[in-house]
Amino acid sequence: GGGSVQAGGSLRLSCARSGRTGSSTA
């Protein structure tokens, strides 16, 4: 989701977690 944008603009970053089952604490 990274990229280039002008000041005042918006971006949304995503982070997909995989591997070990279950979830991280934070």
PDB file of all heavy atoms in Angstrom:
ATOM      1  N   GLY A   1       0.786  -1.230   0.000  1.00  0.00           N
ATOM      2  CA  GLY A   1       0.000   0.000   0.000  1.00  0.00           C
ATOM      3  C   GLY A   1       0.818   1.280   0.000  1.00  0.00           C
ATOM      4  O   GLY A   1       0.243   2.372  -0.058  1.00  0.00           O
ATOM      5  N   GLY A   2       2.123   1.164   0.055  1.00  0.00           N
ATOM      6  CA  GLY A   2       2.933   2.372   0.001  1.00  0.00           C
ATOM      7  C   GLY A   2       2.886   3.003  -1.381  1.00  0.00           C
ATOM      8  O   GLY A   2       2.354   2.436  -2.330  1.00  0.00           O
ATOM      9  N   GLY A   3       3.438   4.210  -1.490  1.00  0.00           N
ATOM     10  CA  GLY A   3       3.473   4.886  -2.772  1.00  0.00           C
ATOM     11  C   GLY A   3       3.795   6.350  -2.605  1.00  0.00           C
ATOM     12  O   GLY A   3       4.268   6.777  -1.541  1.00  0.00           O
ATOM     13  N   SER A   4       3.531   7.101  -3.658  1.00  0.00           N
ATOM     14  CA  SER A   4       3.802   8.537  -3.646  1.00  0.00           C
ATOM     15  C   SER A   4       2.488   9.300  -3.690  1.00  0.00           C
ATOM     16  O   SER A   4       1.568   8.921  -4.425  1.00  0.00           O
ATOM     17  CB  SER A   4       4.658   8.917  -4.854  1.00  0.00           C
ATOM     18  OG  SER A   4       5.915   8.283  -4.797  1.00  0.00           O
ATOM     19  N   VAL A   5       2.420  10.370  -2.929  1.00  0.00           N
ATOM     20  CA  VAL A   5       1.205  11.158  -2.847  1.00  0.00           C
ATOM     21  C   VAL A   5       1.578  12.600  -2.548  1.00  0.00           C
ATOM     22  O   VAL A   5       2.653  12.864  -1.979  1.00  0.00           O
ATOM     23  CB  VAL A   5       0.272  10.586  -1.754  1.00  0.00           C
ATOM     24  CG1 VAL A   5       0.886  10.716  -0.379  1.00  0.00           C
ATOM     25  CG2 VAL A   5      -1.100  11.214  -1.804  1.00  0.00           C
ATOM     26  N   GLN A   6       0.735  13.519  -2.929  1.00  0.00           N
ATOM     27  CA  GLN A   6       0.976  14.921  -2.621  1.00  0.00           C
ATOM     28  C   GLN A   6       0.522  15.228  -1.196  1.00  0.00           C
ATOM     29  O   GLN A   6      -0.333  14.522  -0.631  1.00  0.00           O
ATOM     30  CB  GLN A   6       0.240  15.815  -3.607  1.00  0.00           C
ATOM     31  CG  GLN A   6       0.844  15.792  -5.011  1.00  0.00           C
ATOM     32  CD  GLN A   6       0.289  16.886  -5.898  1.00  0.00           C
ATOM     33  OE1 GLN A   6      -0.871  17.269  -5.745  1.00  0.00           O
ATOM     34  NE2 GLN A   6       1.104  17.390  -6.797  1.00  0.00           N
ATOM     35  N   ALA A   7       1.078  16.276  -0.645  1.00  0.00           N
ATOM     36  CA  ALA A   7       0.698  16.699   0.701  1.00  0.00           C
ATOM     37  C   ALA A   7      -0.814  16.909   0.776  1.00  0.00           C
ATOM     38  O   ALA A   7      -1.417  17.458  -0.148  1.00  0.00           O
ATOM     39  CB  ALA A   7       1.430  17.986   1.065  1.00  0.00           C
ATOM     40  N   GLY A   8      -1.391  16.443   1.874  1.00  0.00           N
ATOM     41  CA  GLY A   8      -2.829  16.518   2.047  1.00  0.00           C
ATOM     42  C   GLY A   8      -3.564  15.278   1.591  1.00  0.00           C
ATOM     43  O   GLY A   8      -4.758  15.116   1.879  1.00  0.00           O
ATOM     44  N   GLY A   9      -2.855  14.410   0.880  1.00  0.00           N
ATOM     45  CA  GLY A   9      -3.466  13.194   0.376  1.00  0.00           C
ATOM     46  C   GLY A   9      -3.527  12.081   1.402  1.00  0.00           C
ATOM     47  O   GLY A   9      -3.153  12.265   2.573  1.00  0.00           O
ATOM     48  N   SER A  10      -3.983  10.912   0.945  1.00  0.00           N
ATOM     49  CA  SER A  10      -4.175   9.760   1.830  1.00  0.00           C
ATOM     50  C   SER A  10      -3.591   8.507   1.213  1.00  0.00           C
ATOM     51  O   SER A  10      -3.514   8.371  -0.014  1.00  0.00           O
ATOM     52  CB  SER A  10      -5.674   9.527   2.086  1.00  0.00           C
ATOM     53  OG  SER A  10      -6.266  10.635   2.719  1.00  0.00           O
ATOM     54  N   LEU A  11      -3.195   7.597   2.085  1.00  0.00           N
ATOM     55  CA  LEU A  11      -2.762   6.262   1.696  1.00  0.00           C
ATOM     56  C   LEU A  11      -3.220   5.295   2.769  1.00  0.00           C
ATOM     57  O   LEU A  11      -3.364   5.675   3.944  1.00  0.00           O
ATOM     58  CB  LEU A  11      -1.245   6.175   1.570  1.00  0.00           C
ATOM     59  CG  LEU A  11      -0.565   6.782   0.348  1.00  0.00           C
ATOM     60  CD1 LEU A  11       0.948   6.745   0.516  1.00  0.00           C
ATOM     61  CD2 LEU A  11      -0.974   6.057  -0.925  1.00  0.00           C
ATOM     62  N   ARG A  12      -3.422   4.044   2.383  1.00  0.00           N
ATOM     63  CA  ARG A  12      -3.712   3.010   3.364  1.00  0.00           C
ATOM     64  C   ARG A  12      -2.712   1.884   3.220  1.00  0.00           C
ATOM     65  O   ARG A  12      -2.588   1.288   2.142  1.00  0.00           O
ATOM     66  CB  ARG A  12      -5.132   2.452   3.213  1.00  0.00           C
ATOM     67  CG  ARG A  12      -5.506   1.533   4.382  1.00  0.00           C
ATOM     68  CD  ARG A  12      -6.918   1.031   4.328  1.00  0.00           C
ATOM     69  NE  ARG A  12      -7.082  -0.116   3.459  1.00  0.00           N
ATOM     70  CZ  ARG A  12      -8.023  -1.044   3.603  1.00  0.00           C
ATOM     71  NH1 ARG A  12      -8.880  -0.952   4.611  1.00  0.00           N
ATOM     72  NH2 ARG A  12      -8.112  -2.045   2.745  1.00  0.00           N
ATOM     73  N   LEU A  13      -2.013   1.609   4.298  1.00  0.00           N
ATOM     74  CA  LEU A  13      -1.052   0.509   4.331  1.00  0.00           C
ATOM     75  C   LEU A  13      -1.732  -0.728   4.913  1.00  0.00           C
ATOM     76  O   LEU A  13      -2.578  -0.629   5.799  1.00  0.00           O
ATOM     77  CB  LEU A  13       0.155   0.877   5.183  1.00  0.00           C
ATOM     78  CG  LEU A  13       0.896   2.163   4.813  1.00  0.00           C
ATOM     79  CD1 LEU A  13       2.112   2.336   5.725  1.00  0.00           C
ATOM     80  CD2 LEU A  13       1.302   2.177   3.361  1.00  0.00           C
ATOM     81  N   SER A  14      -1.320  -1.871   4.396  1.00  0.00           N
ATOM     82  CA  SER A  14      -1.807  -3.142   4.903  1.00  0.00           C
ATOM     83  C   SER A  14      -0.630  -4.002   5.338  1.00  0.00           C
ATOM     84  O   SER A  14       0.456  -3.907   4.752  1.00  0.00           O
ATOM     85  CB  SER A  14      -2.603  -3.895   3.829  1.00  0.00           C
ATOM     86  OG  SER A  14      -3.709  -3.149   3.399  1.00  0.00           O
ATOM     87  N   CYS A  15      -0.855  -4.830   6.337  1.00  0.00           N
ATOM     88  CA  CYS A  15       0.164  -5.761   6.798  1.00  0.00           C
ATOM     89  C   CYS A  15      -0.514  -7.095   7.061  1.00  0.00           C
ATOM     90  O   CYS A  15      -1.311  -7.225   8.004  1.00  0.00           O
ATOM     91  CB  CYS A  15       0.836  -5.246   8.058  1.00  0.00           C
ATOM     92  SG  CYS A  15       2.010  -6.405   8.799  1.00  0.00           S
ATOM     93  N   ALA A  16      -0.195  -8.057   6.227  1.00  0.00           N
ATOM     94  CA  ALA A  16      -0.776  -9.386   6.360  1.00  0.00           C
ATOM     95  C   ALA A  16       0.155 -10.285   7.161  1.00  0.00           C
ATOM     96  O   ALA A  16       1.340 -10.410   6.827  1.00  0.00           O
ATOM     97  CB  ALA A  16      -1.021  -9.982   4.982  1.00  0.00           C
ATOM     98  N   ARG A  17      -0.391 -10.902   8.185  1.00  0.00           N
ATOM     99  CA  ARG A  17       0.384 -11.786   9.055  1.00  0.00           C
ATOM    100  C   ARG A  17       0.112 -13.228   8.658  1.00  0.00           C
ATOM    101  O   ARG A  17      -1.049 -13.625   8.497  1.00  0.00           O
ATOM    102  CB  ARG A  17      -0.012 -11.563  10.505  1.00  0.00           C
ATOM    103  CG  ARG A  17       0.705 -12.445  11.523  1.00  0.00           C
ATOM    104  CD  ARG A  17       0.063 -12.292  12.884  1.00  0.00           C
ATOM    105  NE  ARG A  17       0.647 -13.149  13.894  1.00  0.00           N
ATOM    106  CZ  ARG A  17       0.381 -14.445  14.031  1.00  0.00           C
ATOM    107  NH1 ARG A  17      -0.472 -15.043  13.236  1.00  0.00           N
ATOM    108  NH2 ARG A  17       0.975 -15.142  14.995  1.00  0.00           N
ATOM    109  N   SER A  18       1.160 -14.009   8.501  1.00  0.00           N
ATOM    110  CA  SER A  18       1.014 -15.425   8.167  1.00  0.00           C
ATOM    111  C   SER A  18       2.055 -16.230   8.919  1.00  0.00           C
ATOM    112  O   SER A  18       2.927 -15.670   9.598  1.00  0.00           O
ATOM    113  CB  SER A  18       1.164 -15.635   6.658  1.00  0.00           C
ATOM    114  OG  SER A  18       2.472 -15.275   6.243  1.00  0.00           O
ATOM    115  N   GLY A  19       1.942 -17.539   8.794  1.00  0.00           N
ATOM    116  CA  GLY A  19       2.896 -18.422   9.461  1.00  0.00           C
ATOM    117  C   GLY A  19       2.251 -19.121  10.628  1.00  0.00           C
ATOM    118  O   GLY A  19       1.281 -19.847  10.449  1.00  0.00           O
ATOM    119  N   ARG A  20       2.734 -18.911  11.810  1.00  0.00           N
ATOM    120  CA  ARG A  20       2.251 -19.585  13.006  1.00  0.00           C
ATOM    121  C   ARG A  20       0.768 -19.298  13.220  1.00  0.00           C
ATOM    122  O   ARG A  20       0.304 -18.175  13.048  1.00  0.00           O
ATOM    123  CB  ARG A  20       3.045 -19.101  14.217  1.00  0.00           C
ATOM    124  CG  ARG A  20       2.867 -19.945  15.465  1.00  0.00           C
ATOM    125  CD  ARG A  20       3.493 -19.267  16.654  1.00  0.00           C
ATOM    126  NE  ARG A  20       2.783 -18.029  16.954  1.00  0.00           N
ATOM    127  CZ  ARG A  20       3.372 -16.931  17.375  1.00  0.00           C
ATOM    128  NH1 ARG A  20       4.681 -16.894  17.528  1.00  0.00           N
ATOM    129  NH2 ARG A  20       2.676 -15.844  17.647  1.00  0.00           N
ATOM    130  N   THR A  21       0.023 -20.334  13.588  1.00  0.00           N
ATOM    131  CA  THR A  21      -1.404 -20.152  13.830  1.00  0.00           C
ATOM    132  C   THR A  21      -1.635 -19.322  15.078  1.00  0.00           C
ATOM    133  O   THR A  21      -0.751 -19.174  15.922  1.00  0.00           O
ATOM    134  CB  THR A  21      -2.107 -21.505  13.983  1.00  0.00           C
ATOM    135  OG1 THR A  21      -1.470 -22.231  15.044  1.00  0.00           O
ATOM    136  CG2 THR A  21      -2.005 -22.310  12.704  1.00  0.00           C
ATOM    137  N   GLY A  22      -2.841 -18.781  15.170  1.00  0.00           N
ATOM    138  CA  GLY A  22      -3.147 -17.901  16.278  1.00  0.00           C
ATOM    139  C   GLY A  22      -2.795 -16.474  15.922  1.00  0.00           C
ATOM    140  O   GLY A  22      -2.374 -16.173  14.810  1.00  0.00           O
ATOM    141  N   SER A  23      -2.965 -15.582  16.848  1.00  0.00           N
ATOM    142  CA  SER A  23      -2.684 -14.173  16.603  1.00  0.00           C
ATOM    143  C   SER A  23      -1.573 -13.687  17.514  1.00  0.00           C
ATOM    144  O   SER A  23      -1.286 -14.286  18.547  1.00  0.00           O
ATOM    145  CB  SER A  23      -3.947 -13.343  16.820  1.00  0.00           C
ATOM    146  OG  SER A  23      -4.397 -13.479  18.152  1.00  0.00           O
ATOM    147  N   SER A  24      -0.958 -12.608  17.108  1.00  0.00           N
ATOM    148  CA  SER A  24       0.036 -11.965  17.951  1.00  0.00           C
ATOM    149  C   SER A  24      -0.677 -11.170  19.047  1.00  0.00           C
ATOM    150  O   SER A  24      -1.849 -10.842  18.923  1.00  0.00           O
ATOM    151  CB  SER A  24       0.909 -11.035  17.121  1.00  0.00           C
ATOM    152  OG  SER A  24       1.643 -11.766  16.160  1.00  0.00           O
ATOM    153  N   THR A  25       0.039 -10.840  20.105  1.00  0.00           N
ATOM    154  CA  THR A  25      -0.551 -10.056  21.184  1.00  0.00           C
ATOM    155  C   THR A  25      -0.854  -8.640  20.718  1.00  0.00           C
ATOM    156  O   THR A  25      -1.898  -8.079  21.037  1.00  0.00           O
ATOM    157  CB  THR A  25       0.402 -10.009  22.376  1.00  0.00           C
ATOM    158  OG1 THR A  25       0.714 -11.339  22.783  1.00  0.00           O
ATOM    159  CG2 THR A  25      -0.212  -9.245  23.536  1.00  0.00           C
ATOM    160  N   ALA A  26       0.061  -8.085  19.961  1.00  0.00           N
ATOM    161  CA  ALA A  26      -0.107  -6.724  19.463  1.00  0.00           C
ATOM    162  C   ALA A  26       0.624  -6.575  18.145  1.00  0.00           C
ATOM    163  O   ALA A  26       1.566  -7.323  17.856  1.00  0.00           O
ATOM    164  CB  ALA A  26       0.433  -5.707  20.475  1.00  0.00           C
TER     165      ALA A  26
END
